[in-house]
Amino acid sequence: MRAFTKLPAYLFGLMILVVVCCDQHQEKDAVTLDSIRPHSSKKSVQNSASEQKDTLRKYVNYYANDSAFMQISNVRLDSTPTLHFIDRFSATRKKWILQDSNNVFYQYKQWHFKDSSACLEAFYNWLDQAGRQKESVKLEEGSISSSNYQLIIVGQQEVLFVEAPRHFNYNKWLLWYSGTKDYLPIKYALYVQPKKRTKWFKYINNKIKAL
């Protein structure tokens, strides 16, 4: 009989022990707001913003020297049917007519090539007939025949021609080109002047080096 009289006390004590253990377990495993806050996501967002800033950095020079700096007031497609010698080497090309705030018109031509070798091959072939009597022009020192002023830029995979009826500031155009988003170092730059010697130079770190 004594065993039966102690049974309720045992059961009560057992229940107290279970409740205490559960409370301790819950307290141990308690989750705070700080522990579930997405720290890794925050770090990822910061890294992403930093990477985006780095990516956009190369556009800074481009937008600092865009058409506003060049004072270009109007751009339209050049619809003239005249073909250029370099057209035969590249199907990827642009032809624009640009007008600046002084009402000077520029012809802008750009050809893109699959690689550097194809780009240089096209330029060298054009150079072989660019003289006054369609004779070859010597690299880095010969004079190009033209009735207008021209800036010729030979990049890694593209050739650009900028042509105007009068002298223009070719350094501004080189600065603009160096700020374009896909800019790569220039192999050759030429400034052609009617009845004058063609200027050949390298353009490195936004500075002209005469050849």
C-alpha atoms as a PDB file:
ATOM      1  CA  MET A   1       0.000   0.000   0.000  1.00  0.00           C
ATOM      2  CA  ARG A   2       2.903   2.371   0.738  1.00  0.00           C
ATOM      3  CA  ALA A   3       4.088   1.919  -2.869  1.00  0.00           C
ATOM      4  CA  PHE A   4       0.701   2.996  -4.183  1.00  0.00           C
ATOM      5  CA  THR A   5       0.579   6.030  -1.924  1.00  0.00           C
ATOM      6  CA  LYS A   6       4.005   7.206  -3.179  1.00  0.00           C
ATOM      7  CA  LEU A   7       3.068   6.745  -6.872  1.00  0.00           C
ATOM      8  CA  PRO A   8       1.367  10.157  -7.314  1.00  0.00           C
ATOM      9  CA  ALA A   9       4.406  11.839  -5.793  1.00  0.00           C
ATOM     10  CA  TYR A  10       6.696  10.017  -8.232  1.00  0.00           C
ATOM     11  CA  LEU A  11       4.529  10.951 -11.191  1.00  0.00           C
ATOM     12  CA  PHE A  12       4.393  14.567 -10.090  1.00  0.00           C
ATOM     13  CA  GLY A  13       8.168  14.690  -9.725  1.00  0.00           C
ATOM     14  CA  LEU A  14       8.635  13.094 -13.121  1.00  0.00           C
ATOM     15  CA  MET A  15       6.373  15.698 -14.730  1.00  0.00           C
ATOM     16  CA  ILE A  16       8.352  18.512 -13.073  1.00  0.00           C
ATOM     17  CA  LEU A  17      11.610  17.025 -14.407  1.00  0.00           C
ATOM     18  CA  VAL A  18      10.233  16.781 -17.960  1.00  0.00           C
ATOM     19  CA  VAL A  19       9.007  20.381 -17.894  1.00  0.00           C
ATOM     20  CA  VAL A  20      12.380  21.659 -16.617  1.00  0.00           C
ATOM     21  CA  CYS A  21      14.290  19.711 -19.285  1.00  0.00           C
ATOM     22  CA  CYS A  22      12.040  21.014 -22.063  1.00  0.00           C
ATOM     23  CA  ASP A  23      12.488  24.606 -20.883  1.00  0.00           C
ATOM     24  CA  GLN A  24      16.255  24.188 -20.806  1.00  0.00           C
ATOM     25  CA  HIS A  25      16.248  22.632 -24.281  1.00  0.00           C
ATOM     26  CA  GLN A  26      14.116  25.459 -25.696  1.00  0.00           C
ATOM     27  CA  GLU A  27      16.298  28.057 -24.044  1.00  0.00           C
ATOM     28  CA  LYS A  28      19.420  26.440 -25.480  1.00  0.00           C
ATOM     29  CA  ASP A  29      17.987  26.248 -29.001  1.00  0.00           C
ATOM     30  CA  ALA A  30      16.358  29.656 -28.940  1.00  0.00           C
ATOM     31  CA  VAL A  31      16.794  31.498 -32.276  1.00  0.00           C
ATOM     32  CA  THR A  32      17.470  35.211 -32.198  1.00  0.00           C
ATOM     33  CA  LEU A  33      16.665  37.694 -34.980  1.00  0.00           C
ATOM     34  CA  ASP A  34      20.371  38.390 -35.386  1.00  0.00           C
ATOM     35  CA  SER A  35      21.133  34.700 -35.953  1.00  0.00           C
ATOM     36  CA  ILE A  36      18.652  34.403 -38.836  1.00  0.00           C
ATOM     37  CA  ARG A  37      19.541  37.742 -40.430  1.00  0.00           C
ATOM     38  CA  PRO A  38      20.941  37.043 -43.948  1.00  0.00           C
ATOM     39  CA  HIS A  39      24.531  38.155 -43.324  1.00  0.00           C
ATOM     40  CA  SER A  40      25.880  36.282 -46.334  1.00  0.00           C
ATOM     41  CA  SER A  41      23.320  37.931 -48.637  1.00  0.00           C
ATOM     42  CA  LYS A  42      24.267  41.358 -47.337  1.00  0.00           C
ATOM     43  CA  LYS A  43      27.914  40.659 -48.059  1.00  0.00           C
ATOM     44  CA  SER A  44      26.987  39.382 -51.494  1.00  0.00           C
ATOM     45  CA  VAL A  45      25.028  42.561 -52.243  1.00  0.00           C
ATOM     46  CA  GLN A  46      27.989  44.683 -51.151  1.00  0.00           C
ATOM     47  CA  ASN A  47      30.360  42.679 -53.341  1.00  0.00           C
ATOM     48  CA  SER A  48      27.945  42.921 -56.266  1.00  0.00           C
ATOM     49  CA  ALA A  49      27.690  46.699 -55.875  1.00  0.00           C
ATOM     50  CA  SER A  50      31.477  46.939 -55.710  1.00  0.00           C
ATOM     51  CA  GLU A  51      31.875  44.817 -58.840  1.00  0.00           C
ATOM     52  CA  GLN A  52      29.274  46.919 -60.670  1.00  0.00           C
ATOM     53  CA  LYS A  53      31.138  50.082 -59.701  1.00  0.00           C
ATOM     54  CA  ASP A  54      34.371  48.599 -61.071  1.00  0.00           C
ATOM     55  CA  THR A  55      32.608  47.585 -64.282  1.00  0.00           C
ATOM     56  CA  LEU A  56      31.183  51.055 -64.798  1.00  0.00           C
ATOM     57  CA  ARG A  57      34.539  52.698 -64.158  1.00  0.00           C
ATOM     58  CA  LYS A  58      35.636  52.146 -67.756  1.00  0.00           C
ATOM     59  CA  TYR A  59      32.645  54.199 -68.929  1.00  0.00           C
ATOM     60  CA  VAL A  60      33.652  57.282 -66.955  1.00  0.00           C
ATOM     61  CA  ASN A  61      36.156  58.535 -69.528  1.00  0.00           C
ATOM     62  CA  TYR A  62      33.712  57.780 -72.340  1.00  0.00           C
ATOM     63  CA  TYR A  63      30.902  59.850 -70.867  1.00  0.00           C
ATOM     64  CA  ALA A  64      33.315  62.603 -69.855  1.00  0.00           C
ATOM     65  CA  ASN A  65      34.408  62.955 -73.489  1.00  0.00           C
ATOM     66  CA  ASP A  66      31.253  62.163 -75.417  1.00  0.00           C
ATOM     67  CA  SER A  67      29.473  64.243 -78.076  1.00  0.00           C
ATOM     68  CA  ALA A  68      28.960  67.139 -75.653  1.00  0.00           C
ATOM     69  CA  PHE A  69      32.706  67.485 -75.264  1.00  0.00           C
ATOM     70  CA  MET A  70      33.154  67.002 -79.004  1.00  0.00           C
ATOM     71  CA  GLN A  71      30.386  69.554 -79.577  1.00  0.00           C
ATOM     72  CA  ILE A  72      28.608  67.197 -81.960  1.00  0.00           C
ATOM     73  CA  SER A  73      25.098  68.522 -82.446  1.00  0.00           C
ATOM     74  CA  ASN A  74      23.716  66.112 -85.050  1.00  0.00           C
ATOM     75  CA  VAL A  75      24.350  62.523 -86.155  1.00  0.00           C
ATOM     76  CA  ARG A  76      22.784  60.749 -89.111  1.00  0.00           C
ATOM     77  CA  LEU A  77      23.463  57.717 -91.252  1.00  0.00           C
ATOM     78  CA  ASP A  78      25.654  58.248 -94.294  1.00  0.00           C
ATOM     79  CA  SER A  79      23.504  56.970 -97.161  1.00  0.00           C
ATOM     80  CA  THR A  80      25.947  57.801 -99.960  1.00  0.00           C
ATOM     81  CA  PRO A  81      26.495  54.742-102.170  1.00  0.00           C
ATOM     82  CA  THR A  82      30.240  55.343-102.542  1.00  0.00           C
ATOM     83  CA  LEU A  83      32.279  52.323-101.457  1.00  0.00           C
ATOM     84  CA  HIS A  84      35.549  52.562 -99.593  1.00  0.00           C
ATOM     85  CA  PHE A  85      38.522  50.323-100.362  1.00  0.00           C
ATOM     86  CA  ILE A  86      38.345  48.729 -96.889  1.00  0.00           C
ATOM     87  CA  ASP A  87      34.701  47.740 -97.433  1.00  0.00           C
ATOM     88  CA  ARG A  88      35.873  44.639 -99.288  1.00  0.00           C
ATOM     89  CA  PHE A  89      37.583  43.319 -96.132  1.00  0.00           C
ATOM     90  CA  SER A  90      34.780  43.717 -93.606  1.00  0.00           C
ATOM     91  CA  ALA A  91      31.011  43.356 -93.720  1.00  0.00           C
ATOM     92  CA  THR A  92      30.739  44.963 -90.266  1.00  0.00           C
ATOM     93  CA  ARG A  93      30.932  48.720 -90.740  1.00  0.00           C
ATOM     94  CA  LYS A  94      29.365  52.023 -89.717  1.00  0.00           C
ATOM     95  CA  LYS A  95      28.969  55.154 -91.825  1.00  0.00           C
ATOM     96  CA  TRP A  96      27.769  58.352 -90.190  1.00  0.00           C
ATOM     97  CA  ILE A  97      27.604  62.041 -90.947  1.00  0.00           C
ATOM     98  CA  LEU A  98      28.352  64.141 -87.876  1.00  0.00           C
ATOM     99  CA  GLN A  99      27.747  67.849 -87.501  1.00  0.00           C
ATOM    100  CA  ASP A 100      29.301  69.961 -84.758  1.00  0.00           C
ATOM    101  CA  SER A 101      28.143  73.218 -83.204  1.00  0.00           C
ATOM    102  CA  ASN A 102      30.325  75.194 -85.647  1.00  0.00           C
ATOM    103  CA  ASN A 103      28.407  73.632 -88.553  1.00  0.00           C
ATOM    104  CA  VAL A 104      31.389  71.508 -89.613  1.00  0.00           C
ATOM    105  CA  PHE A 105      30.435  68.141 -91.125  1.00  0.00           C
ATOM    106  CA  TYR A 106      32.469  65.005 -90.540  1.00  0.00           C
ATOM    107  CA  GLN A 107      32.304  61.678 -92.320  1.00  0.00           C
ATOM    108  CA  TYR A 108      32.771  58.892 -89.809  1.00  0.00           C
ATOM    109  CA  LYS A 109      33.578  55.372 -91.007  1.00  0.00           C
ATOM    110  CA  GLN A 110      34.332  52.363 -88.842  1.00  0.00           C
ATOM    111  CA  TRP A 111      35.127  48.763 -89.790  1.00  0.00           C
ATOM    112  CA  HIS A 112      35.297  45.858 -87.368  1.00  0.00           C
ATOM    113  CA  PHE A 113      37.322  42.669 -87.972  1.00  0.00           C
ATOM    114  CA  LYS A 114      37.356  39.194 -86.466  1.00  0.00           C
ATOM    115  CA  ASP A 115      40.882  39.560 -85.084  1.00  0.00           C
ATOM    116  CA  SER A 116      44.001  41.723 -85.087  1.00  0.00           C
ATOM    117  CA  SER A 117      45.564  39.951 -88.075  1.00  0.00           C
ATOM    118  CA  ALA A 118      42.531  40.593 -90.288  1.00  0.00           C
ATOM    119  CA  CYS A 119      42.479  44.237 -89.162  1.00  0.00           C
ATOM    120  CA  LEU A 120      46.132  44.840 -90.047  1.00  0.00           C
ATOM    121  CA  GLU A 121      45.801  42.977 -93.342  1.00  0.00           C
ATOM    122  CA  ALA A 122      42.980  45.296 -94.423  1.00  0.00           C
ATOM    123  CA  PHE A 123      44.944  48.380 -93.370  1.00  0.00           C
ATOM    124  CA  TYR A 124      48.135  47.258 -95.155  1.00  0.00           C
ATOM    125  CA  ASN A 125      46.211  46.476 -98.337  1.00  0.00           C
ATOM    126  CA  TRP A 126      44.614  49.912 -98.263  1.00  0.00           C
ATOM    127  CA  LEU A 127      48.038  51.471 -97.634  1.00  0.00           C
ATOM    128  CA  ASP A 128      49.399  49.750-100.745  1.00  0.00           C
ATOM    129  CA  GLN A 129      47.238  52.007-102.944  1.00  0.00           C
ATOM    130  CA  ALA A 130      46.811  55.132-100.794  1.00  0.00           C
ATOM    131  CA  GLY A 131      49.405  57.278-102.574  1.00  0.00           C
ATOM    132  CA  ARG A 132      48.748  60.183-104.961  1.00  0.00           C
ATOM    133  CA  GLN A 133      49.011  57.957-108.027  1.00  0.00           C
ATOM    134  CA  LYS A 134      47.582  54.901-106.255  1.00  0.00           C
ATOM    135  CA  GLU A 135      51.104  53.876-105.328  1.00  0.00           C
ATOM    136  CA  SER A 136      52.064  52.206-102.059  1.00  0.00           C
ATOM    137  CA  VAL A 137      52.598  54.417 -98.992  1.00  0.00           C
ATOM    138  CA  LYS A 138      55.465  53.541 -96.695  1.00  0.00           C
ATOM    139  CA  LEU A 139      54.447  52.502 -93.198  1.00  0.00           C
ATOM    140  CA  GLU A 140      54.979  55.104 -90.447  1.00  0.00           C
ATOM    141  CA  GLU A 141      56.405  57.799 -92.739  1.00  0.00           C
ATOM    142  CA  GLY A 142      54.631  57.943 -96.095  1.00  0.00           C
ATOM    143  CA  SER A 143      51.980  60.526 -97.024  1.00  0.00           C
ATOM    144  CA  ILE A 144      48.365  59.659 -97.806  1.00  0.00           C
ATOM    145  CA  SER A 145      46.663  61.328-100.751  1.00  0.00           C
ATOM    146  CA  SER A 146      43.447  63.126 -99.803  1.00  0.00           C
ATOM    147  CA  SER A 147      41.537  66.281-100.692  1.00  0.00           C
ATOM    148  CA  ASN A 148      40.214  66.515 -97.120  1.00  0.00           C
ATOM    149  CA  TYR A 149      41.627  66.291 -93.623  1.00  0.00           C
ATOM    150  CA  GLN A 150      41.478  62.801 -92.150  1.00  0.00           C
ATOM    151  CA  LEU A 151      42.189  61.085 -88.867  1.00  0.00           C
ATOM    152  CA  ILE A 152      42.821  57.367 -89.335  1.00  0.00           C
ATOM    153  CA  ILE A 153      42.883  55.121 -86.285  1.00  0.00           C
ATOM    154  CA  VAL A 154      44.041  51.515 -86.499  1.00  0.00           C
ATOM    155  CA  GLY A 155      43.000  49.654 -83.374  1.00  0.00           C
ATOM    156  CA  GLN A 156      43.300  46.016 -82.398  1.00  0.00           C
ATOM    157  CA  GLN A 157      40.235  44.871 -84.353  1.00  0.00           C
ATOM    158  CA  GLU A 158      38.891  47.991 -86.022  1.00  0.00           C
ATOM    159  CA  VAL A 159      39.817  50.816 -88.348  1.00  0.00           C
ATOM    160  CA  LEU A 160      38.257  54.292 -88.074  1.00  0.00           C
ATOM    161  CA  PHE A 161      38.262  57.187 -90.519  1.00  0.00           C
ATOM    162  CA  VAL A 162      37.165  60.694 -89.520  1.00  0.00           C
ATOM    163  CA  GLU A 163      37.145  63.136 -92.436  1.00  0.00           C
ATOM    164  CA  ALA A 164      36.357  66.853 -92.642  1.00  0.00           C
ATOM    165  CA  PRO A 165      36.865  69.621 -95.238  1.00  0.00           C
ATOM    166  CA  ARG A 166      39.034  71.651 -92.880  1.00  0.00           C
ATOM    167  CA  HIS A 167      41.579  71.137 -90.117  1.00  0.00           C
ATOM    168  CA  PHE A 168      40.151  69.753 -86.890  1.00  0.00           C
ATOM    169  CA  ASN A 169      41.466  68.905 -83.433  1.00  0.00           C
ATOM    170  CA  TYR A 170      42.387  65.256 -83.895  1.00  0.00           C
ATOM    171  CA  ASN A 171      43.595  64.986 -80.295  1.00  0.00           C
ATOM    172  CA  LYS A 172      39.988  65.426 -79.109  1.00  0.00           C
ATOM    173  CA  TRP A 173      38.902  62.547 -81.327  1.00  0.00           C
ATOM    174  CA  LEU A 174      41.684  60.342 -80.002  1.00  0.00           C
ATOM    175  CA  LEU A 175      40.673  61.216 -76.461  1.00  0.00           C
ATOM    176  CA  TRP A 176      37.058  60.374 -77.269  1.00  0.00           C
ATOM    177  CA  TYR A 177      38.060  57.065 -78.829  1.00  0.00           C
ATOM    178  CA  SER A 178      40.217  56.126 -75.833  1.00  0.00           C
ATOM    179  CA  GLY A 179      37.133  56.515 -73.656  1.00  0.00           C
ATOM    180  CA  THR A 180      34.839  54.180 -75.601  1.00  0.00           C
ATOM    181  CA  LYS A 181      33.778  51.095 -73.664  1.00  0.00           C
ATOM    182  CA  ASP A 182      35.545  48.572 -75.905  1.00  0.00           C
ATOM    183  CA  TYR A 183      38.734  50.584 -76.276  1.00  0.00           C
ATOM    184  CA  LEU A 184      41.981  48.696 -76.799  1.00  0.00           C
ATOM    185  CA  PRO A 185      45.452  50.174 -77.439  1.00  0.00           C
ATOM    186  CA  ILE A 186      45.904  51.879 -80.815  1.00  0.00           C
ATOM    187  CA  LYS A 187      48.424  50.376 -83.234  1.00  0.00           C
ATOM    188  CA  TYR A 188      48.664  53.380 -85.559  1.00  0.00           C
ATOM    189  CA  ALA A 189      47.160  56.836 -85.813  1.00  0.00           C
ATOM    190  CA  LEU A 190      47.523  59.094 -88.857  1.00  0.00           C
ATOM    191  CA  TYR A 191      46.488  62.665 -89.479  1.00  0.00           C
ATOM    192  CA  VAL A 192      46.190  63.329 -93.209  1.00  0.00           C
ATOM    193  CA  GLN A 193      46.482  66.900 -94.540  1.00  0.00           C
ATOM    194  CA  PRO A 194      45.927  67.945 -98.154  1.00  0.00           C
ATOM    195  CA  LYS A 195      49.213  68.857 -99.874  1.00  0.00           C
ATOM    196  CA  LYS A 196      51.105  68.323 -96.611  1.00  0.00           C
ATOM    197  CA  ARG A 197      53.018  65.495 -95.053  1.00  0.00           C
ATOM    198  CA  THR A 198      50.897  62.925 -93.212  1.00  0.00           C
ATOM    199  CA  LYS A 199      51.515  62.828 -89.459  1.00  0.00           C
ATOM    200  CA  TRP A 200      52.109  59.345 -88.031  1.00  0.00           C
ATOM    201  CA  PHE A 201      52.032  58.781 -84.299  1.00  0.00           C
ATOM    202  CA  LYS A 202      51.343  56.387 -81.476  1.00  0.00           C
ATOM    203  CA  TYR A 203      48.712  57.204 -78.877  1.00  0.00           C
ATOM    204  CA  ILE A 204      49.662  55.871 -75.455  1.00  0.00           C
ATOM    205  CA  ASN A 205      48.082  56.829 -72.110  1.00  0.00           C
ATOM    206  CA  ASN A 206      46.197  59.694 -73.759  1.00  0.00           C
ATOM    207  CA  LYS A 207      49.419  61.173 -75.077  1.00  0.00           C
ATOM    208  CA  ILE A 208      50.599  61.536 -78.668  1.00  0.00           C
ATOM    209  CA  LYS A 209      54.037  60.195 -79.562  1.00  0.00           C
ATOM    210  CA  ALA A 210      55.270  61.169 -83.007  1.00  0.00           C
ATOM    211  CA  LEU A 211      56.821  58.461 -85.202  1.00  0.00           C
END
